[in-house]
Amino acid sequence: MERQAIGQVTHYYGKIGVAILELDAPLSVGDTIAIVGATSDLEQDVKSMQVEHHNIEQAAAGDLVGLKVKDKVREGDAVFKLITSDQ
């Protein structure tokens, strides 16, 4: 499985488990991502995303999106889209 760098974590809200991602490439609901940092390493499917508290299906490069994450992440962690060889 190939990893494509698509952005980084700019903020994490621990009480609600939401990361704010600054994207350098498009991201869509249904994509699989990995968030990796000095102490972070998780993979998950994108089930929903929000921009300014509105649900969206796709985000473009330059967008700041909110994403529910299953584990703690940290500011500066790298975000990758996981691409299978059949995509």
Protein backbone atom coordinates (compact mmCIF):
# COMPACT_ATOMS: atom_id res chain seq x y z
CA MET A 1 0.00 0.00 0.00
CA GLU A 2 1.42 3.35 -1.05
CA ARG A 3 1.37 6.46 1.14
CA GLN A 4 0.78 9.87 -0.46
CA ALA A 5 1.48 12.91 1.75
CA ILE A 6 -1.62 15.10 1.80
CA GLY A 7 -1.16 17.49 4.73
CA GLN A 8 -0.61 17.88 8.43
CA VAL A 9 -2.44 18.19 11.74
CA THR A 10 -2.75 21.82 12.84
CA HIS A 11 -4.81 21.25 16.00
CA TYR A 12 -6.31 18.45 18.10
CA TYR A 13 -9.37 18.76 20.32
CA GLY A 14 -8.89 16.02 22.90
CA LYS A 15 -12.32 16.19 24.59
CA ILE A 16 -14.16 15.50 21.32
CA GLY A 17 -11.42 13.54 19.52
CA VAL A 18 -11.28 15.82 16.47
CA ALA A 19 -8.18 16.75 14.48
CA ILE A 20 -7.94 19.82 12.25
CA LEU A 21 -6.05 18.98 9.06
CA GLU A 22 -4.47 21.44 6.64
CA LEU A 23 -4.57 19.72 3.26
CA ASP A 24 -1.98 19.91 0.48
CA ALA A 25 -3.99 17.51 -1.73
CA PRO A 26 -7.65 16.51 -2.13
CA LEU A 27 -9.34 14.20 0.38
CA SER A 28 -12.74 12.49 0.13
CA VAL A 29 -15.07 10.62 2.46
CA GLY A 30 -14.26 6.93 1.99
CA ASP A 31 -10.50 7.46 1.64
CA THR A 32 -8.16 5.70 4.06
CA ILE A 33 -5.61 7.88 5.83
CA ALA A 34 -2.64 7.46 8.12
CA ILE A 35 -1.53 10.06 10.67
CA VAL A 36 2.09 9.67 11.69
CA GLY A 37 4.26 11.63 14.09
CA ALA A 38 6.85 11.20 16.83
CA THR A 39 4.34 9.38 19.05
CA SER A 40 1.33 9.05 16.71
CA ASP A 41 0.71 6.22 14.29
CA LEU A 42 -2.85 5.44 13.25
CA GLU A 43 -4.77 4.39 10.17
CA GLN A 44 -8.49 4.91 9.64
CA ASP A 45 -11.18 5.41 7.02
CA VAL A 46 -12.57 8.91 6.54
CA LYS A 47 -16.22 8.53 7.55
CA SER A 48 -17.07 12.25 7.62
CA MET A 49 -15.38 15.63 7.37
CA GLN A 50 -16.43 19.15 8.26
CA VAL A 51 -15.50 22.65 7.20
CA GLU A 52 -16.83 25.39 9.47
CA HIS A 53 -19.22 22.87 11.11
CA HIS A 54 -20.76 21.82 7.76
CA ASN A 55 -20.44 18.23 6.54
CA ILE A 56 -18.62 17.84 3.23
CA GLU A 57 -17.89 14.88 0.97
CA GLN A 58 -14.69 16.23 -0.62
CA ALA A 59 -12.01 18.71 0.40
CA ALA A 60 -9.44 20.40 -1.81
CA ALA A 61 -5.81 21.39 -1.32
CA GLY A 62 -5.61 24.40 0.98
CA ASP A 63 -8.74 23.48 2.97
CA LEU A 64 -8.78 23.18 6.75
CA VAL A 65 -11.02 20.26 7.66
CA GLY A 66 -12.21 18.76 10.93
CA LEU A 67 -12.00 14.99 11.17
CA LYS A 68 -13.01 12.64 13.99
CA VAL A 69 -10.00 10.47 14.82
CA LYS A 70 -9.89 7.22 16.79
CA ASP A 71 -6.76 8.06 18.80
CA LYS A 72 -4.84 11.11 20.02
CA VAL A 73 -2.79 12.96 17.40
CA ARG A 74 -0.55 15.99 17.76
CA GLU A 75 0.04 19.28 15.98
CA GLY A 76 2.59 18.81 13.21
CA ASP A 77 1.80 15.12 12.63
CA ALA A 78 1.93 14.20 8.93
CA VAL A 79 -1.22 13.02 7.16
CA PHE A 80 -1.03 10.47 4.34
CA LYS A 81 -3.66 9.02 2.02
CA LEU A 82 -3.26 5.27 1.65
CA ILE A 83 -3.50 4.10 -1.96
CA THR A 84 -3.88 0.44 -2.86
CA SER A 85 -2.28 -0.82 -6.03
CA ASP A 86 -5.70 -1.31 -7.68
CA GLN A 87 -6.73 2.36 -7.34
